[in-house]
Amino acid sequence: MFTEIFGEAPRVRLLDFLADHPDFDYTISQMAEFADVARPTVYKLVAELQGQDIITLTRSVGDSKFYRLNVANPRIVSMLQVDFEGINRELAAGVYDGMPDSPEGPEKSRAGSRLQGRPTLQGRVVPIRAYSRRAVRRKKPKSSD
């Protein structure tokens, strides 16, 4: 919703993506991929947004750091309320009445066939992993034939 109002700036795309998924945390690589923002730009934005208390570090796994919107920040709560009110208005107006219950076929992101798309309420496609990268890299055991 924010990109419709504020444009396609990388900061807006990142905040719009995080506002659509406030319950989840993401690595910088995931945010870059899902928000369609270059990873070096996301590094700069994360440092900036963390300094403004808009996003927060939730956990570290190895060298990966996970971030999410800081829902303890009153500005973020207000931002999310505006987003949810807009969605509720669109639902009440019947904007989503014509949406199919399931997509006709999985859509692929620009990252390749390992990702499938899932439509959100705003009609955007959010990529989800069909299987983990680790499973792809495993080699099959050698047969003893």
N, C-alpha and C. Protein backbone atom coordinates (compact mmCIF):
# COMPACT_ATOMS: atom_id res chain seq x y z
N MET A 1 0.82 -1.19 0.00
CA MET A 1 0.00 0.00 0.00
C MET A 1 0.86 1.26 0.00
N PHE A 2 2.00 1.22 0.70
CA PHE A 2 2.82 2.41 0.80
C PHE A 2 3.46 2.78 -0.53
N THR A 3 3.76 1.79 -1.35
CA THR A 3 4.34 2.10 -2.66
C THR A 3 3.32 2.80 -3.55
N GLU A 4 2.04 2.50 -3.36
CA GLU A 4 1.01 3.17 -4.14
C GLU A 4 0.91 4.65 -3.75
N ILE A 5 1.22 4.95 -2.50
CA ILE A 5 1.11 6.33 -2.01
C ILE A 5 2.42 7.09 -2.18
N PHE A 6 3.54 6.46 -1.79
CA PHE A 6 4.82 7.16 -1.70
C PHE A 6 5.79 6.86 -2.84
N GLY A 7 5.43 5.97 -3.75
CA GLY A 7 6.30 5.69 -4.89
C GLY A 7 7.14 4.44 -4.69
N GLU A 8 8.05 4.24 -5.60
CA GLU A 8 8.84 3.01 -5.66
C GLU A 8 10.26 3.17 -5.12
N ALA A 9 10.50 4.10 -4.25
CA ALA A 9 11.84 4.27 -3.68
C ALA A 9 12.21 3.01 -2.90
N PRO A 10 13.50 2.64 -2.88
CA PRO A 10 13.91 1.43 -2.17
C PRO A 10 13.48 1.41 -0.70
N ARG A 11 13.57 2.52 -0.02
CA ARG A 11 13.16 2.59 1.39
C ARG A 11 11.67 2.28 1.53
N VAL A 12 10.86 2.82 0.63
CA VAL A 12 9.42 2.60 0.67
C VAL A 12 9.10 1.14 0.37
N ARG A 13 9.78 0.56 -0.64
CA ARG A 13 9.54 -0.85 -0.97
C ARG A 13 9.90 -1.76 0.20
N LEU A 14 11.02 -1.46 0.87
CA LEU A 14 11.44 -2.28 2.01
C LEU A 14 10.43 -2.16 3.15
N LEU A 15 10.02 -0.95 3.49
CA LEU A 15 9.05 -0.76 4.57
C LEU A 15 7.70 -1.35 4.21
N ASP A 16 7.31 -1.25 2.95
CA ASP A 16 6.04 -1.83 2.51
C ASP A 16 6.06 -3.35 2.67
N PHE A 17 7.17 -3.97 2.28
CA PHE A 17 7.29 -5.42 2.44
C PHE A 17 7.24 -5.80 3.92
N LEU A 18 8.00 -5.11 4.75
CA LEU A 18 8.03 -5.45 6.18
C LEU A 18 6.67 -5.19 6.84
N ALA A 19 5.95 -4.17 6.39
CA ALA A 19 4.62 -3.88 6.94
C ALA A 19 3.62 -4.96 6.55
N ASP A 20 3.82 -5.58 5.39
CA ASP A 20 2.93 -6.67 4.97
C ASP A 20 3.18 -7.94 5.78
N HIS A 21 4.34 -8.03 6.44
CA HIS A 21 4.72 -9.23 7.17
C HIS A 21 5.33 -8.85 8.53
N PRO A 22 4.57 -8.19 9.40
CA PRO A 22 5.14 -7.69 10.65
C PRO A 22 5.48 -8.79 11.67
N ASP A 23 4.96 -9.99 11.50
CA ASP A 23 5.21 -11.06 12.46
C ASP A 23 6.47 -11.85 12.18
N PHE A 24 7.14 -11.58 11.07
CA PHE A 24 8.29 -12.38 10.67
C PHE A 24 9.56 -11.55 10.66
N ASP A 25 10.68 -12.23 10.82
CA ASP A 25 11.96 -11.55 10.71
C ASP A 25 12.71 -12.09 9.50
N TYR A 26 13.58 -11.26 8.94
CA TYR A 26 14.24 -11.59 7.69
C TYR A 26 15.71 -11.20 7.73
N THR A 27 16.51 -11.92 6.95
CA THR A 27 17.91 -11.54 6.78
C THR A 27 17.97 -10.43 5.73
N ILE A 28 19.12 -9.83 5.61
CA ILE A 28 19.29 -8.77 4.62
C ILE A 28 19.10 -9.33 3.21
N SER A 29 19.61 -10.52 2.96
CA SER A 29 19.44 -11.13 1.64
C SER A 29 17.97 -11.39 1.32
N GLN A 30 17.23 -11.87 2.31
CA GLN A 30 15.81 -12.12 2.09
C GLN A 30 15.05 -10.82 1.84
N MET A 31 15.35 -9.79 2.63
CA MET A 31 14.69 -8.50 2.42
C MET A 31 14.99 -7.96 1.04
N ALA A 32 16.24 -8.09 0.60
CA ALA A 32 16.62 -7.60 -0.72
C ALA A 32 15.85 -8.33 -1.80
N GLU A 33 15.74 -9.65 -1.67
CA GLU A 33 15.04 -10.45 -2.68
C GLU A 33 13.55 -10.17 -2.70
N PHE A 34 12.92 -10.18 -1.53
CA PHE A 34 11.46 -10.05 -1.46
C PHE A 34 10.98 -8.62 -1.72
N ALA A 35 11.77 -7.62 -1.34
CA ALA A 35 11.38 -6.23 -1.57
C ALA A 35 11.89 -5.72 -2.91
N ASP A 36 12.67 -6.55 -3.61
CA ASP A 36 13.24 -6.18 -4.91
C ASP A 36 14.09 -4.92 -4.80
N VAL A 37 15.02 -4.96 -3.85
CA VAL A 37 15.96 -3.87 -3.61
C VAL A 37 17.36 -4.48 -3.63
N ALA A 38 18.32 -3.78 -4.19
CA ALA A 38 19.69 -4.28 -4.24
C ALA A 38 20.23 -4.50 -2.82
N ARG A 39 20.97 -5.57 -2.64
CA ARG A 39 21.47 -5.91 -1.31
C ARG A 39 22.36 -4.82 -0.69
N PRO A 40 23.28 -4.20 -1.44
CA PRO A 40 24.05 -3.11 -0.84
C PRO A 40 23.16 -1.97 -0.33
N THR A 41 22.09 -1.71 -1.05
CA THR A 41 21.14 -0.67 -0.62
C THR A 41 20.44 -1.10 0.66
N VAL A 42 20.08 -2.37 0.77
CA VAL A 42 19.41 -2.86 1.98
C VAL A 42 20.33 -2.75 3.18
N TYR A 43 21.63 -3.02 3.01
CA TYR A 43 22.58 -2.84 4.11
C TYR A 43 22.54 -1.41 4.63
N LYS A 44 22.55 -0.44 3.72
CA LYS A 44 22.49 0.98 4.12
C LYS A 44 21.16 1.30 4.79
N LEU A 45 20.06 0.81 4.20
CA LEU A 45 18.74 1.09 4.76
C LEU A 45 18.56 0.47 6.14
N VAL A 46 19.08 -0.75 6.33
CA VAL A 46 18.94 -1.41 7.63
C VAL A 46 19.68 -0.61 8.70
N ALA A 47 20.88 -0.16 8.40
CA ALA A 47 21.62 0.65 9.37
C ALA A 47 20.87 1.94 9.69
N GLU A 48 20.33 2.57 8.66
CA GLU A 48 19.57 3.81 8.83
C GLU A 48 18.29 3.59 9.64
N LEU A 49 17.52 2.56 9.26
CA LEU A 49 16.25 2.28 9.93
C LEU A 49 16.45 1.78 11.36
N GLN A 50 17.54 1.07 11.57
CA GLN A 50 17.84 0.61 12.93
C GLN A 50 18.21 1.80 13.82
N GLY A 51 18.92 2.76 13.26
CA GLY A 51 19.26 3.98 14.00
C GLY A 51 18.04 4.81 14.34
N GLN A 52 17.01 4.72 13.52
CA GLN A 52 15.76 5.46 13.76
C GLN A 52 14.76 4.64 14.57
N ASP A 53 15.16 3.45 15.02
CA ASP A 53 14.33 2.56 15.83
C ASP A 53 13.08 2.09 15.08
N ILE A 54 13.20 1.98 13.75
CA ILE A 54 12.08 1.51 12.94
C ILE A 54 12.13 0.00 12.79
N ILE A 55 13.34 -0.55 12.65
CA ILE A 55 13.49 -2.00 12.64
C ILE A 55 14.42 -2.40 13.78
N THR A 56 14.34 -3.65 14.14
CA THR A 56 15.14 -4.14 15.26
C THR A 56 15.76 -5.49 14.91
N LEU A 57 16.92 -5.73 15.47
CA LEU A 57 17.59 -7.01 15.32
C LEU A 57 16.88 -8.00 16.24
N THR A 58 16.43 -9.12 15.67
CA THR A 58 15.70 -10.09 16.49
C THR A 58 16.57 -11.26 16.93
N ARG A 59 17.47 -11.70 16.05
CA ARG A 59 18.31 -12.85 16.40
C ARG A 59 19.46 -12.94 15.42
N SER A 60 20.45 -13.73 15.81
CA SER A 60 21.58 -14.04 14.94
C SER A 60 21.72 -15.54 14.86
N VAL A 61 21.90 -16.04 13.66
CA VAL A 61 22.13 -17.46 13.44
C VAL A 61 23.41 -17.54 12.60
N GLY A 62 24.49 -17.97 13.23
CA GLY A 62 25.78 -17.97 12.54
C GLY A 62 26.16 -16.54 12.21
N ASP A 63 26.45 -16.29 10.95
CA ASP A 63 26.78 -14.93 10.52
C ASP A 63 25.55 -14.14 10.07
N SER A 64 24.41 -14.79 10.01
CA SER A 64 23.18 -14.14 9.55
C SER A 64 22.49 -13.42 10.69
N LYS A 65 22.04 -12.20 10.41
CA LYS A 65 21.27 -11.42 11.38
C LYS A 65 19.87 -11.23 10.83
N PHE A 66 18.89 -11.39 11.70
CA PHE A 66 17.49 -11.28 11.30
C PHE A 66 16.89 -10.00 11.88
N TYR A 67 16.11 -9.31 11.05
CA TYR A 67 15.50 -8.04 11.42
C TYR A 67 14.00 -8.09 11.16
N ARG A 68 13.27 -7.26 11.88
CA ARG A 68 11.84 -7.09 11.66
C ARG A 68 11.45 -5.68 12.08
N LEU A 69 10.22 -5.30 11.73
CA LEU A 69 9.72 -3.99 12.17
C LEU A 69 9.67 -3.96 13.69
N ASN A 70 10.00 -2.83 14.25
CA ASN A 70 9.96 -2.66 15.70
C ASN A 70 8.53 -2.28 16.10
N VAL A 71 7.72 -3.27 16.42
CA VAL A 71 6.31 -3.02 16.73
C VAL A 71 6.13 -2.39 18.10
N ALA A 72 7.22 -2.19 18.84
CA ALA A 72 7.14 -1.45 20.11
C ALA A 72 7.22 0.06 19.87
N ASN A 73 7.57 0.46 18.66
CA ASN A 73 7.68 1.87 18.30
C ASN A 73 6.29 2.40 17.94
N PRO A 74 5.82 3.45 18.60
CA PRO A 74 4.47 3.98 18.31
C PRO A 74 4.31 4.43 16.85
N ARG A 75 5.37 4.90 16.22
CA ARG A 75 5.29 5.31 14.80
C ARG A 75 5.00 4.10 13.92
N ILE A 76 5.59 2.97 14.24
CA ILE A 76 5.36 1.75 13.46
C ILE A 76 3.93 1.25 13.67
N VAL A 77 3.46 1.31 14.90
CA VAL A 77 2.08 0.90 15.18
C VAL A 77 1.10 1.76 14.37
N SER A 78 1.34 3.07 14.32
CA SER A 78 0.49 3.97 13.53
C SER A 78 0.57 3.63 12.05
N MET A 79 1.78 3.33 11.56
CA MET A 79 1.96 2.99 10.16
C MET A 79 1.19 1.72 9.82
N LEU A 80 1.26 0.72 10.70
CA LEU A 80 0.55 -0.53 10.46
C LEU A 80 -0.96 -0.33 10.52
N GLN A 81 -1.43 0.53 11.41
CA GLN A 81 -2.87 0.80 11.50
C GLN A 81 -3.38 1.43 10.21
N VAL A 82 -2.62 2.35 9.65
CA VAL A 82 -3.01 2.99 8.39
C VAL A 82 -3.08 1.94 7.28
N ASP A 83 -2.08 1.04 7.26
CA ASP A 83 -2.05 -0.02 6.25
C ASP A 83 -3.26 -0.94 6.40
N PHE A 84 -3.55 -1.38 7.61
CA PHE A 84 -4.67 -2.28 7.85
C PHE A 84 -6.01 -1.59 7.58
N GLU A 85 -6.14 -0.32 7.92
CA GLU A 85 -7.37 0.40 7.64
C GLU A 85 -7.62 0.50 6.13
N GLY A 86 -6.55 0.71 5.37
CA GLY A 86 -6.68 0.76 3.92
C GLY A 86 -7.14 -0.57 3.36
N ILE A 87 -6.59 -1.66 3.88
CA ILE A 87 -7.00 -2.99 3.44
C ILE A 87 -8.46 -3.24 3.80
N ASN A 88 -8.86 -2.86 5.02
CA ASN A 88 -10.25 -3.05 5.45
C ASN A 88 -11.22 -2.25 4.58
N ARG A 89 -10.84 -1.02 4.20
CA ARG A 89 -11.69 -0.22 3.31
C ARG A 89 -11.84 -0.90 1.96
N GLU A 90 -10.73 -1.44 1.45
CA GLU A 90 -10.79 -2.13 0.16
C GLU A 90 -11.64 -3.40 0.25
N LEU A 91 -11.53 -4.12 1.37
CA LEU A 91 -12.36 -5.31 1.56
C LEU A 91 -13.84 -4.94 1.61
N ALA A 92 -14.16 -3.87 2.33
CA ALA A 92 -15.56 -3.42 2.45
C ALA A 92 -16.10 -2.97 1.09
N ALA A 93 -15.23 -2.42 0.26
CA ALA A 93 -15.67 -1.95 -1.06
C ALA A 93 -15.77 -3.08 -2.07
N GLY A 94 -15.35 -4.28 -1.69
CA GLY A 94 -15.44 -5.42 -2.59
C GLY A 94 -14.32 -5.51 -3.60
N VAL A 95 -13.20 -4.86 -3.33
CA VAL A 95 -12.08 -4.87 -4.27
C VAL A 95 -11.58 -6.29 -4.50
N TYR A 96 -11.63 -7.13 -3.48
CA TYR A 96 -11.06 -8.47 -3.58
C TYR A 96 -12.08 -9.56 -3.87
N ASP A 97 -13.33 -9.18 -4.18
CA ASP A 97 -14.37 -10.17 -4.44
C ASP A 97 -14.06 -11.03 -5.66
N GLY A 98 -13.38 -10.49 -6.64
CA GLY A 98 -13.09 -11.22 -7.86
C GLY A 98 -11.81 -12.02 -7.83
N MET A 99 -11.11 -12.03 -6.69
CA MET A 99 -9.83 -12.76 -6.61
C MET A 99 -10.09 -14.26 -6.54
N PRO A 100 -9.32 -15.05 -7.30
CA PRO A 100 -9.47 -16.50 -7.22
C PRO A 100 -8.96 -17.02 -5.87
N ASP A 101 -9.54 -18.14 -5.42
CA ASP A 101 -9.12 -18.72 -4.15
C ASP A 101 -7.71 -19.28 -4.21
N SER A 102 -7.33 -19.83 -5.36
CA SER A 102 -5.98 -20.35 -5.51
C SER A 102 -5.43 -19.91 -6.86
N PRO A 103 -4.13 -19.68 -6.93
CA PRO A 103 -3.56 -19.26 -8.21
C PRO A 103 -3.65 -20.39 -9.23
N GLU A 104 -3.80 -20.01 -10.49
CA GLU A 104 -3.93 -21.02 -11.54
C GLU A 104 -2.64 -21.80 -11.73
N GLY A 105 -1.54 -21.18 -11.51
CA GLY A 105 -0.26 -21.85 -11.63
C GLY A 105 0.77 -21.09 -10.84
N PRO A 106 1.80 -21.77 -10.35
CA PRO A 106 2.80 -21.05 -9.57
C PRO A 106 3.57 -20.08 -10.44
N GLU A 107 3.75 -18.88 -9.93
CA GLU A 107 4.52 -17.88 -10.64
C GLU A 107 5.95 -17.96 -10.15
N LYS A 108 6.87 -17.62 -11.02
CA LYS A 108 8.28 -17.68 -10.66
C LYS A 108 8.80 -16.26 -10.48
N SER A 109 9.64 -16.09 -9.49
CA SER A 109 10.30 -14.80 -9.33
C SER A 109 11.50 -14.78 -10.24
N ARG A 110 12.19 -13.65 -10.26
CA ARG A 110 13.36 -13.56 -11.11
C ARG A 110 14.51 -14.39 -10.58
N ALA A 111 14.38 -14.94 -9.36
CA ALA A 111 15.45 -15.74 -8.77
C ALA A 111 15.48 -17.15 -9.34
N GLY A 112 14.46 -17.58 -10.04
CA GLY A 112 14.51 -18.89 -10.66
C GLY A 112 13.39 -19.79 -10.20
N SER A 113 13.50 -21.06 -10.54
CA SER A 113 12.41 -21.99 -10.31
C SER A 113 12.32 -22.48 -8.88
N ARG A 114 13.30 -22.20 -8.04
CA ARG A 114 13.22 -22.68 -6.67
C ARG A 114 12.22 -21.88 -5.84
N LEU A 115 11.74 -20.77 -6.38
CA LEU A 115 10.78 -19.95 -5.66
C LEU A 115 9.43 -20.02 -6.35
N GLN A 116 8.39 -20.02 -5.54
CA GLN A 116 7.05 -19.96 -6.08
C GLN A 116 6.39 -18.71 -5.52
N GLY A 117 5.36 -18.22 -6.20
CA GLY A 117 4.70 -17.01 -5.77
C GLY A 117 3.40 -17.31 -5.06
N ARG A 118 3.01 -16.40 -4.18
CA ARG A 118 1.75 -16.50 -3.45
C ARG A 118 1.13 -15.12 -3.47
N PRO A 119 -0.11 -14.97 -4.00
CA PRO A 119 -0.70 -13.64 -4.04
C PRO A 119 -1.08 -13.17 -2.64
N THR A 120 -0.84 -11.90 -2.39
CA THR A 120 -1.25 -11.29 -1.13
C THR A 120 -2.54 -10.53 -1.36
N LEU A 121 -3.09 -9.92 -0.32
CA LEU A 121 -4.33 -9.16 -0.48
C LEU A 121 -4.18 -8.01 -1.46
N GLN A 122 -2.99 -7.43 -1.50
CA GLN A 122 -2.79 -6.30 -2.41
C GLN A 122 -2.57 -6.75 -3.84
N GLY A 123 -2.60 -8.06 -4.11
CA GLY A 123 -2.43 -8.56 -5.45
C GLY A 123 -0.98 -8.74 -5.85
N ARG A 124 -0.05 -8.38 -4.95
CA ARG A 124 1.36 -8.57 -5.24
C ARG A 124 1.73 -10.02 -5.01
N VAL A 125 2.82 -10.45 -5.58
CA VAL A 125 3.28 -11.82 -5.40
C VAL A 125 4.46 -11.80 -4.45
N VAL A 126 4.34 -12.57 -3.37
CA VAL A 126 5.42 -12.69 -2.40
C VAL A 126 6.05 -14.06 -2.59
N PRO A 127 7.33 -14.10 -2.91
CA PRO A 127 7.95 -15.39 -3.14
C PRO A 127 8.08 -16.20 -1.86
N ILE A 128 7.88 -17.51 -1.99
CA ILE A 128 8.11 -18.42 -0.87
C ILE A 128 8.99 -19.54 -1.38
N ARG A 129 9.81 -20.07 -0.52
CA ARG A 129 10.73 -21.13 -0.91
C ARG A 129 9.99 -22.46 -1.04
N ALA A 130 10.20 -23.13 -2.15
CA ALA A 130 9.62 -24.44 -2.35
C ALA A 130 10.40 -25.49 -1.57
N TYR A 131 11.68 -25.29 -1.41
CA TYR A 131 12.52 -26.17 -0.62
C TYR A 131 13.77 -25.39 -0.25
N SER A 132 14.45 -25.84 0.76
CA SER A 132 15.60 -25.10 1.24
C SER A 132 16.77 -25.22 0.29
N ARG A 133 17.64 -24.25 0.31
CA ARG A 133 18.83 -24.28 -0.53
C ARG A 133 19.74 -25.42 -0.12
N ARG A 134 19.76 -25.71 1.17
CA ARG A 134 20.62 -26.77 1.66
C ARG A 134 20.27 -28.11 1.00
N ALA A 135 18.97 -28.36 0.81
CA ALA A 135 18.54 -29.61 0.18
C ALA A 135 19.00 -29.67 -1.27
N VAL A 136 19.11 -28.54 -1.92
CA VAL A 136 19.52 -28.50 -3.31
C VAL A 136 21.00 -28.86 -3.43
N ARG A 137 21.80 -28.43 -2.49
CA ARG A 137 23.24 -28.60 -2.58
C ARG A 137 23.72 -29.98 -2.16
N ARG A 138 22.88 -30.76 -1.51
CA ARG A 138 23.29 -32.09 -1.08
C ARG A 138 23.55 -32.98 -2.28
N LYS A 139 24.60 -33.72 -2.19
CA LYS A 139 24.91 -34.67 -3.25
C LYS A 139 24.26 -36.00 -2.90
N LYS A 140 23.89 -36.71 -3.94
CA LYS A 140 23.31 -38.03 -3.72
C LYS A 140 24.41 -38.99 -3.29
N PRO A 141 24.08 -39.92 -2.41
CA PRO A 141 25.11 -40.87 -1.98
C PRO A 141 25.54 -41.75 -3.16
N LYS A 142 26.83 -42.06 -3.16
CA LYS A 142 27.36 -42.91 -4.23
C LYS A 142 26.87 -44.33 -4.01
N SER A 143 26.48 -44.93 -5.09
CA SER A 143 26.00 -46.31 -4.99
C SER A 143 27.21 -47.24 -4.97
N SER A 144 27.08 -48.34 -4.30
CA SER A 144 28.20 -49.29 -4.17
C SER A 144 28.14 -50.36 -5.23
N ASP A 145 27.45 -50.10 -6.35
CA ASP A 145 27.32 -51.09 -7.44
C ASP A 145 28.63 -51.33 -8.12
